[in-house]
Amino acid sequence: MKDLESKCRVALVQAEPVMFDKDACLQKAVQYIEEASAENADLIVFPELFIPGYPIGMNFGFSMGKRTEPGRQDWKRYYDASILAGGPEFEVLSEAAKAGPAFVSIGFSERDEVSGTLYNSNVIFEPDGTWKVHRKLKPTGSERVVWGDANRDYFPVTQTPWGPIGSLICWESYMPLARVALYQKGITIYISPNTNDNPEWQATIQHIAIEGKCYFINADMIVRKDSYPEDLCTGEDVRKLPEMVCRGGSCIIDPYGHYLTEPLWDEEGIIYADLDMQLAAACKMEHDAIGHYARPDVLELVVKE
C-alpha cells in the first residue's frame, strides 16, 4: 500500500431529492457542494439516484405480462428527467467539484447516449473536473422495469491522496464477488449510495467495513410522500405510501466496524467526519482479505471488465 495522506474530511449529504425534477435536484446538489466545501470537505458524498430522485413505491404500470399507458407516460417523464454522462448537468457538477476543490460522489439516473435504456449510476468527480461513472450491475427486484443491467463501467476506482475510492450501489453490496472486485483494487473508502433504511442494513455495513478493512460511507436519502409530483398519471401508487417513505440512516463506519458517526434519521443534513487514514494499513495486521488472509492458490476471482 502506498503512503496515504493522514486525514480525509468527509461530508456525507443526507438530502431529499426533488422527485422527477433534474434541474431542481442539480441546483440542490450544487448548494450542498458549496456548503460542504466551505467546511473544507475533501470528499462530498450524495445518495443513490439523487438526480432525479428514487421513485420508491412506484411500479410504472407494470404487472406480470401487462403494462399500462399511464405508467408508460410516468416512465417517459422519469426518462426525460434522467441525464447523460458528460451532459450539461455533468459540466455543472464538474465545475462545482473544481471550485471546492473536492472529490464529489453522486447518484443519478443515466440515459444511455445511444439506446433508450436507463441505468442506475454513480459518478465520482475529481477536483480537476474529471470523472468516472459506475453503472449498477443488477437492478434489484422491480427496479428492473426502469433500469437495465450495467453493460460497462463495472468497477471503476478513483485514485485519491487517501487511497483508491470505489462505489457499489445499494444491494450491489449483497453481491459478495462484487465486493471482492473492489477489495482487489485496494479501496480504502467504500461508498454506498442507497435507499436502505431498514435495521438489517446497519448490520450489513458494519460487516463490510470489517471484511474489507475500509471506511464504509453509507449514503442514504430521505423521501416524503409529498416529494412526488401531484400530477403523476399513476398517482394512486404514491397515495398508498406512508408519509415518510424513506427515513435515511446515513452514517460512516470505520474499518473495525464501529460507528464513526451515528445514523441520521428522518431529516436532511450534512454529516462531517475526519477519517484517520493510517487505519487503512494498521487494521490489516490480522486480516487482509486480498493479501495475507487470502488463498489465491485455492480461490480466485476473475473479473471481466
Protein backbone atom coordinates (compact mmCIF):
# COMPACT_ATOMS: atom_id res chain seq x y z
CA MET A 1 0.00 0.00 0.00
CA LYS A 2 1.33 3.42 -0.94
CA ASP A 3 1.72 6.13 1.67
CA LEU A 4 -1.57 7.95 2.26
CA GLU A 5 -2.37 11.42 3.50
CA SER A 6 -3.31 11.07 7.13
CA LYS A 7 -6.73 12.76 7.17
CA CYS A 8 -9.68 12.84 4.81
CA ARG A 9 -12.54 15.17 5.72
CA VAL A 10 -15.83 13.68 4.52
CA ALA A 11 -19.13 15.50 4.08
CA LEU A 12 -21.94 12.94 3.82
CA VAL A 13 -25.08 14.60 2.47
CA GLN A 14 -28.41 13.11 3.53
CA ALA A 15 -30.91 15.08 1.49
CA GLU A 16 -34.31 14.79 -0.14
CA PRO A 17 -34.35 14.89 -3.94
CA VAL A 18 -36.92 16.94 -5.83
CA MET A 19 -38.59 13.97 -7.48
CA PHE A 20 -38.71 13.92 -11.30
CA ASP A 21 -37.06 17.39 -11.46
CA LYS A 22 -33.45 17.16 -12.63
CA ASP A 23 -32.88 20.92 -12.63
CA ALA A 24 -34.06 21.35 -9.05
CA CYS A 25 -32.03 18.31 -7.93
CA LEU A 26 -28.94 19.71 -9.65
CA GLN A 27 -29.39 23.11 -8.02
CA LYS A 28 -29.81 21.48 -4.61
CA ALA A 29 -26.69 19.35 -5.14
CA VAL A 30 -24.60 22.39 -6.06
CA GLN A 31 -25.82 24.24 -2.95
CA TYR A 32 -24.77 21.32 -0.75
CA ILE A 33 -21.39 21.07 -2.50
CA GLU A 34 -20.78 24.77 -1.86
CA GLU A 35 -21.82 24.43 1.79
CA ALA A 36 -19.59 21.39 2.35
CA SER A 37 -16.67 22.99 0.51
CA ALA A 38 -16.91 25.97 2.84
CA GLU A 39 -16.27 23.48 5.66
CA ASN A 40 -13.13 22.24 3.88
CA ALA A 41 -14.55 18.88 2.88
CA ASP A 42 -12.18 16.70 0.84
CA LEU A 43 -14.87 14.20 -0.19
CA ILE A 44 -18.58 15.04 -0.59
CA VAL A 45 -21.00 12.12 -0.93
CA PHE A 46 -24.65 12.10 -2.07
CA PRO A 47 -27.21 9.25 -2.09
CA GLU A 48 -28.40 6.87 -4.79
CA LEU A 49 -30.28 8.42 -7.74
CA PHE A 50 -30.19 11.89 -6.21
CA ILE A 51 -30.86 13.16 -9.74
CA PRO A 52 -33.83 12.98 -10.37
CA GLY A 53 -34.80 11.04 -7.23
CA TYR A 54 -35.55 7.41 -6.41
CA PRO A 55 -39.28 6.75 -7.15
CA ILE A 56 -39.85 4.43 -4.19
CA GLY A 57 -43.19 2.61 -4.27
CA MET A 58 -43.99 3.25 -7.93
CA ASN A 59 -44.44 0.42 -10.45
CA PHE A 60 -44.92 2.46 -13.64
CA GLY A 61 -47.95 0.37 -14.61
CA PHE A 62 -46.08 -2.93 -14.82
CA SER A 63 -47.60 -6.24 -13.72
CA MET A 64 -46.88 -9.78 -14.84
CA GLY A 65 -47.26 -9.73 -18.61
CA LYS A 66 -49.07 -6.37 -18.58
CA ARG A 67 -48.37 -2.63 -18.60
CA THR A 68 -50.49 0.50 -18.73
CA GLU A 69 -50.40 3.65 -20.80
CA PRO A 70 -50.47 5.94 -17.69
CA GLY A 71 -47.48 4.02 -16.34
CA ARG A 72 -45.67 4.44 -19.65
CA GLN A 73 -46.26 8.20 -19.50
CA ASP A 74 -44.78 8.38 -16.00
CA TRP A 75 -41.79 6.29 -17.09
CA LYS A 76 -41.19 8.64 -20.01
CA ARG A 77 -41.40 11.58 -17.61
CA TYR A 78 -38.73 9.95 -15.45
CA TYR A 79 -36.68 9.16 -18.55
CA ASP A 80 -36.79 12.83 -19.57
CA ALA A 81 -35.60 13.80 -16.08
CA SER A 82 -32.62 11.40 -16.30
CA ILE A 83 -29.29 12.72 -17.55
CA LEU A 84 -26.45 11.81 -19.89
CA ALA A 85 -22.98 11.11 -18.54
CA GLY A 86 -20.95 14.05 -19.84
CA GLY A 87 -24.06 16.16 -20.49
CA PRO A 88 -24.70 19.73 -19.29
CA GLU A 89 -25.53 18.60 -15.75
CA PHE A 90 -22.11 16.93 -15.54
CA GLU A 91 -20.50 20.18 -16.59
CA VAL A 92 -22.21 21.98 -13.70
CA LEU A 93 -21.22 19.32 -11.17
CA SER A 94 -17.68 19.20 -12.53
CA GLU A 95 -17.31 22.95 -12.07
CA ALA A 96 -18.68 22.69 -8.52
CA ALA A 97 -16.11 19.99 -7.69
CA LYS A 98 -13.32 22.12 -9.13
CA ALA A 99 -14.48 25.18 -7.19
CA GLY A 100 -14.46 23.17 -3.94
CA PRO A 101 -11.94 21.80 -4.62
CA ALA A 102 -13.25 18.36 -3.63
CA PHE A 103 -13.99 14.87 -4.77
CA VAL A 104 -17.78 14.57 -5.25
CA SER A 105 -19.77 11.33 -5.44
CA ILE A 106 -23.42 11.49 -6.56
CA GLY A 107 -26.03 9.02 -7.76
CA PHE A 108 -28.03 9.70 -10.92
CA SER A 109 -30.38 8.03 -13.38
CA GLU A 110 -28.28 7.74 -16.53
CA ARG A 111 -29.68 7.93 -20.03
CA ASP A 112 -27.63 5.92 -22.48
CA GLU A 113 -26.28 8.11 -25.27
CA VAL A 114 -27.29 5.59 -27.97
CA SER A 115 -30.04 3.27 -26.74
CA GLY A 116 -33.26 4.09 -24.90
CA THR A 117 -32.13 2.29 -21.75
CA LEU A 118 -31.70 3.92 -18.34
CA TYR A 119 -29.02 2.89 -15.84
CA ASN A 120 -28.83 3.37 -12.09
CA SER A 121 -25.41 5.00 -11.91
CA ASN A 122 -22.99 6.76 -9.60
CA VAL A 123 -20.30 9.23 -10.60
CA ILE A 124 -17.23 10.42 -8.75
CA PHE A 125 -15.86 13.80 -9.83
CA GLU A 126 -12.25 14.71 -9.09
CA PRO A 127 -11.07 18.20 -8.08
CA ASP A 128 -9.72 18.72 -11.59
CA GLY A 129 -13.23 18.17 -13.01
CA THR A 130 -12.63 14.72 -14.50
CA TRP A 131 -15.00 11.91 -13.57
CA LYS A 132 -15.67 8.15 -13.55
CA VAL A 133 -19.12 6.51 -13.72
CA HIS A 134 -20.19 3.19 -12.19
CA ARG A 135 -23.36 1.54 -13.51
CA LYS A 136 -25.32 -0.74 -11.17
CA LEU A 137 -24.61 -4.33 -12.17
CA LYS A 138 -28.05 -5.73 -11.38
CA PRO A 139 -31.06 -3.55 -10.55
CA THR A 140 -32.91 -5.03 -7.57
CA GLY A 141 -36.38 -6.56 -7.90
CA SER A 142 -38.84 -4.35 -9.78
CA GLU A 143 -36.10 -1.77 -10.39
CA ARG A 144 -35.52 -3.88 -13.50
CA VAL A 145 -38.58 -2.39 -15.19
CA VAL A 146 -36.90 1.04 -15.03
CA TRP A 147 -33.13 0.47 -15.30
CA GLY A 148 -31.04 -2.03 -17.27
CA ASP A 149 -28.12 -4.21 -16.20
CA ALA A 150 -24.76 -2.47 -16.49
CA ASN A 151 -23.06 -3.15 -19.80
CA ARG A 152 -19.88 -1.26 -18.91
CA ASP A 153 -18.37 0.82 -16.07
CA TYR A 154 -18.45 -2.13 -13.69
CA PHE A 155 -15.79 -1.40 -11.03
CA PRO A 156 -14.06 1.92 -11.66
CA VAL A 157 -11.97 3.32 -8.83
CA THR A 158 -10.79 6.87 -8.31
CA GLN A 159 -7.22 7.42 -7.14
CA THR A 160 -7.04 9.93 -4.30
CA PRO A 161 -4.45 11.08 -1.75
CA TRP A 162 -6.26 8.75 0.72
CA GLY A 163 -6.10 5.67 -1.47
CA PRO A 164 -8.45 4.25 -4.12
CA ILE A 165 -12.15 5.03 -3.70
CA GLY A 166 -14.96 2.99 -5.28
CA SER A 167 -18.70 2.54 -5.03
CA LEU A 168 -21.34 -0.16 -5.09
CA ILE A 169 -24.96 0.97 -5.30
CA CYS A 170 -27.45 -0.22 -2.68
CA TRP A 171 -27.96 -4.02 -2.85
CA GLU A 172 -24.91 -4.49 -5.07
CA SER A 173 -23.25 -4.78 -1.68
CA TYR A 174 -25.09 -8.10 -1.25
CA MET A 175 -23.10 -9.46 -4.22
CA PRO A 176 -20.04 -10.94 -2.46
CA LEU A 177 -17.93 -11.18 -5.60
CA ALA A 178 -18.64 -7.53 -6.45
CA ARG A 179 -17.28 -6.54 -3.05
CA VAL A 180 -14.15 -8.60 -3.65
CA ALA A 181 -13.71 -6.96 -7.06
CA LEU A 182 -13.40 -3.62 -5.25
CA TYR A 183 -11.20 -5.04 -2.48
CA GLN A 184 -8.82 -6.37 -5.14
CA LYS A 185 -8.32 -2.79 -6.30
CA GLY A 186 -7.19 -1.78 -2.83
CA ILE A 187 -10.03 0.55 -1.89
CA THR A 188 -9.66 2.37 1.40
CA ILE A 189 -13.04 4.15 1.21
CA TYR A 190 -16.12 2.20 0.11
CA ILE A 191 -19.01 4.45 -0.95
CA SER A 192 -22.53 3.01 -0.84
CA PRO A 193 -25.24 5.28 -2.28
CA ASN A 194 -28.51 3.57 -1.31
CA THR A 195 -32.11 3.75 -0.08
CA ASN A 196 -31.85 1.15 2.72
CA ASP A 197 -33.49 2.47 5.88
CA ASN A 198 -34.12 -0.99 7.38
CA PRO A 199 -32.27 -2.04 10.56
CA GLU A 200 -30.70 -5.12 8.94
CA TRP A 201 -28.75 -2.86 6.59
CA GLN A 202 -26.89 -1.38 9.55
CA ALA A 203 -25.55 -4.85 10.36
CA THR A 204 -24.55 -5.30 6.70
CA ILE A 205 -22.49 -2.14 6.52
CA GLN A 206 -20.63 -2.92 9.73
CA HIS A 207 -19.77 -6.37 8.38
CA ILE A 208 -18.49 -4.98 5.07
CA ALA A 209 -16.28 -2.43 6.80
CA ILE A 210 -14.70 -5.22 8.85
CA GLU A 211 -14.43 -7.58 5.88
CA GLY A 212 -12.82 -5.04 3.57
CA LYS A 213 -10.91 -3.21 6.32
CA CYS A 214 -12.07 0.06 4.79
CA TYR A 215 -14.20 3.06 5.72
CA PHE A 216 -17.83 2.49 4.68
CA ILE A 217 -19.75 5.63 3.63
CA ASN A 218 -23.46 4.79 3.98
CA ALA A 219 -25.19 7.43 1.85
CA ASP A 220 -28.97 7.26 2.19
CA MET A 221 -31.69 9.83 1.50
CA ILE A 222 -34.97 10.89 2.99
CA VAL A 223 -38.12 10.78 0.86
CA ARG A 224 -41.53 12.07 1.92
CA LYS A 225 -44.79 11.25 0.20
CA ASP A 226 -45.22 14.91 -0.70
CA SER A 227 -41.87 14.78 -2.54
CA TYR A 228 -43.66 13.29 -5.56
CA PRO A 229 -45.33 15.43 -8.23
CA GLU A 230 -49.07 15.76 -7.66
CA ASP A 231 -49.90 15.22 -11.33
CA LEU A 232 -48.42 11.75 -11.86
CA CYS A 233 -50.55 9.55 -14.11
CA THR A 234 -50.19 6.68 -11.61
CA GLY A 235 -50.58 8.82 -8.51
CA GLU A 236 -52.67 6.16 -6.77
CA ASP A 237 -49.43 4.24 -6.10
CA VAL A 238 -47.96 7.22 -4.29
CA ARG A 239 -51.12 7.90 -2.26
CA LYS A 240 -50.75 4.45 -0.67
CA LEU A 241 -47.29 5.27 0.69
CA PRO A 242 -46.57 6.33 4.30
CA GLU A 243 -45.84 9.99 4.94
CA MET A 244 -42.14 9.21 5.44
CA VAL A 245 -41.24 6.90 2.57
CA CYS A 246 -37.51 6.61 3.30
CA ARG A 247 -36.06 7.57 6.69
CA GLY A 248 -32.39 7.81 5.77
CA GLY A 249 -29.92 6.41 8.28
CA SER A 250 -26.74 7.76 6.68
CA CYS A 251 -23.57 7.16 8.67
CA ILE A 252 -19.87 6.36 8.44
CA ILE A 253 -18.36 3.08 9.67
CA ASP A 254 -14.66 2.72 10.46
CA PRO A 255 -12.53 -0.28 9.37
CA TYR A 256 -13.19 -2.03 12.68
CA GLY A 257 -16.95 -1.95 12.13
CA HIS A 258 -17.60 0.84 14.65
CA TYR A 259 -19.84 3.85 14.05
CA LEU A 260 -17.61 6.83 13.39
CA THR A 261 -20.86 8.79 13.08
CA GLU A 262 -24.26 7.60 14.30
CA PRO A 263 -27.08 7.12 11.73
CA LEU A 264 -29.10 10.24 10.90
CA TRP A 265 -32.83 9.57 10.71
CA ASP A 266 -35.84 11.47 9.32
CA GLU A 267 -34.11 14.72 8.42
CA GLU A 268 -31.77 16.36 5.96
CA GLY A 269 -28.28 17.24 6.99
CA ILE A 270 -24.57 17.04 6.28
CA ILE A 271 -22.59 14.58 8.37
CA TYR A 272 -18.95 15.61 8.75
CA ALA A 273 -16.16 13.28 9.81
CA ASP A 274 -12.37 13.27 9.70
CA LEU A 275 -11.13 9.84 8.62
CA ASP A 276 -7.85 8.63 10.12
CA MET A 277 -6.34 7.07 7.00
CA GLN A 278 -3.48 5.48 8.95
CA LEU A 279 -6.04 2.83 9.90
CA ALA A 280 -6.13 1.73 6.27
CA ALA A 281 -2.89 -0.17 6.81
CA ALA A 282 -2.85 -0.66 10.58
CA CYS A 283 -6.17 -2.54 10.65
CA LYS A 284 -4.88 -5.11 8.16
CA MET A 285 -2.35 -6.54 10.59
CA GLU A 286 -4.52 -9.55 11.45
CA HIS A 287 -6.88 -9.64 8.47
CA ASP A 288 -6.32 -8.60 4.85
CA ALA A 289 -8.95 -10.21 2.59
CA ILE A 290 -6.92 -9.80 -0.59
CA GLY A 291 -3.47 -10.11 0.99
CA HIS A 292 -2.13 -12.36 3.75
CA TYR A 293 -5.62 -13.61 4.68
CA ALA A 294 -6.33 -14.82 1.13
CA ARG A 295 -5.57 -18.15 -0.56
CA PRO A 296 -5.14 -17.36 -4.27
CA ASP A 297 -3.87 -20.89 -4.81
CA VAL A 298 -7.33 -22.18 -3.78
CA LEU A 299 -9.73 -19.33 -4.57
CA GLU A 300 -9.55 -16.91 -7.47
CA LEU A 301 -11.91 -14.19 -8.71
CA VAL A 302 -11.88 -13.40 -12.45
CA VAL A 303 -13.47 -10.05 -13.29
CA LYS A 304 -14.46 -9.48 -16.92
CA GLU A 305 -14.01 -5.74 -17.31
